[in-house]
Amino acid sequence: MDLEAYNLKTLFDQLGLPSDNKAIDDFIEAHPLSPDTKLVDAPFWSASQKQTLEEWIGKDDDRAIVFDELNVRLHDGK
């Protein structure tokens, strides 16, 4: 059984980004997305980061929920 907890910190760790709460908030504030931009198509992701995001959205577990949380926050800018 997979007991790993998934949250924004674990996603940012996998993306190779600073993952403390302030760093996550700062990243989201600095990278707002327009309503017509899909999260995985944002221009600031590297190819490997985009691949990680695509893997997370394709999962049937908490990773998809975390992906959605990041998506909403980037589109809201907070």
Protein backbone atom coordinates (compact mmCIF):
# COMPACT_ATOMS: atom_id res chain seq x y z
CA MET A 1 0.00 0.00 0.00
CA ASP A 2 1.32 3.46 -0.95
CA LEU A 3 1.16 5.69 2.12
CA GLU A 4 3.12 8.64 0.73
CA ALA A 5 1.39 11.94 1.36
CA TYR A 6 1.19 14.25 -1.63
CA ASN A 7 0.97 18.00 -1.26
CA LEU A 8 2.39 21.13 -2.87
CA LYS A 9 5.68 20.63 -1.03
CA THR A 10 6.17 17.17 -2.54
CA LEU A 11 5.20 18.44 -5.99
CA PHE A 12 7.62 21.38 -5.78
CA ASP A 13 10.33 18.98 -4.54
CA GLN A 14 9.74 16.79 -7.60
CA LEU A 15 9.81 19.86 -9.85
CA GLY A 16 13.19 20.80 -8.37
CA LEU A 17 11.84 24.05 -6.95
CA PRO A 18 12.14 25.52 -3.44
CA SER A 19 9.33 23.94 -1.47
CA ASP A 20 8.85 25.81 1.78
CA ASN A 21 5.50 27.59 2.14
CA LYS A 22 6.90 31.07 1.42
CA ALA A 23 8.76 29.87 -1.68
CA ILE A 24 5.61 28.20 -3.00
CA ASP A 25 3.53 31.33 -2.36
CA ASP A 26 6.22 33.52 -3.98
CA PHE A 27 6.36 31.25 -7.04
CA ILE A 28 2.59 31.33 -7.45
CA GLU A 29 2.48 35.11 -7.08
CA ALA A 30 5.30 35.54 -9.62
CA HIS A 31 3.79 33.18 -12.22
CA PRO A 32 0.08 33.97 -12.67
CA LEU A 33 -1.59 32.19 -15.56
CA SER A 34 -4.20 33.61 -17.89
CA PRO A 35 -7.52 31.72 -17.97
CA ASP A 36 -6.74 30.25 -21.40
CA THR A 37 -3.32 28.82 -20.44
CA LYS A 38 -3.24 25.20 -19.30
CA LEU A 39 -0.97 24.52 -16.34
CA VAL A 40 1.22 22.06 -18.26
CA ASP A 41 1.56 24.55 -21.16
CA ALA A 42 2.83 27.43 -19.03
CA PRO A 43 6.00 28.84 -20.60
CA PHE A 44 8.04 28.76 -17.39
CA TRP A 45 8.23 24.95 -17.05
CA SER A 46 11.24 23.02 -18.30
CA ALA A 47 10.59 19.88 -20.34
CA SER A 48 11.22 17.65 -17.32
CA GLN A 49 8.95 19.77 -15.10
CA LYS A 50 6.19 19.55 -17.70
CA GLN A 51 6.63 15.77 -17.81
CA THR A 52 6.34 15.58 -14.01
CA LEU A 53 3.14 17.64 -14.10
CA GLU A 54 1.68 15.42 -16.82
CA GLU A 55 2.47 12.35 -14.70
CA TRP A 56 0.80 13.90 -11.64
CA ILE A 57 -2.43 14.80 -13.49
CA GLY A 58 -2.61 11.28 -14.90
CA LYS A 59 -2.64 9.62 -11.48
CA ASP A 60 -5.74 8.40 -9.73
CA ASP A 61 -4.67 9.50 -6.27
CA ASP A 62 -3.83 12.62 -4.27
CA ARG A 63 -1.34 13.76 -6.91
CA ALA A 64 -4.19 14.77 -9.22
CA ILE A 65 -5.72 16.77 -6.36
CA VAL A 66 -2.43 18.57 -5.74
CA PHE A 67 -2.11 19.27 -9.48
CA ASP A 68 -5.59 20.82 -9.40
CA GLU A 69 -4.68 22.90 -6.35
CA LEU A 70 -1.62 24.32 -8.11
CA ASN A 71 -3.67 24.91 -11.24
CA VAL A 72 -6.32 26.89 -9.35
CA ARG A 73 -3.75 28.88 -7.37
CA LEU A 74 -1.73 29.82 -10.47
CA HIS A 75 -4.87 30.90 -12.29
CA ASP A 76 -6.01 32.92 -9.25
CA GLY A 77 -2.52 34.28 -8.61
CA LYS A 78 -2.63 33.41 -4.89
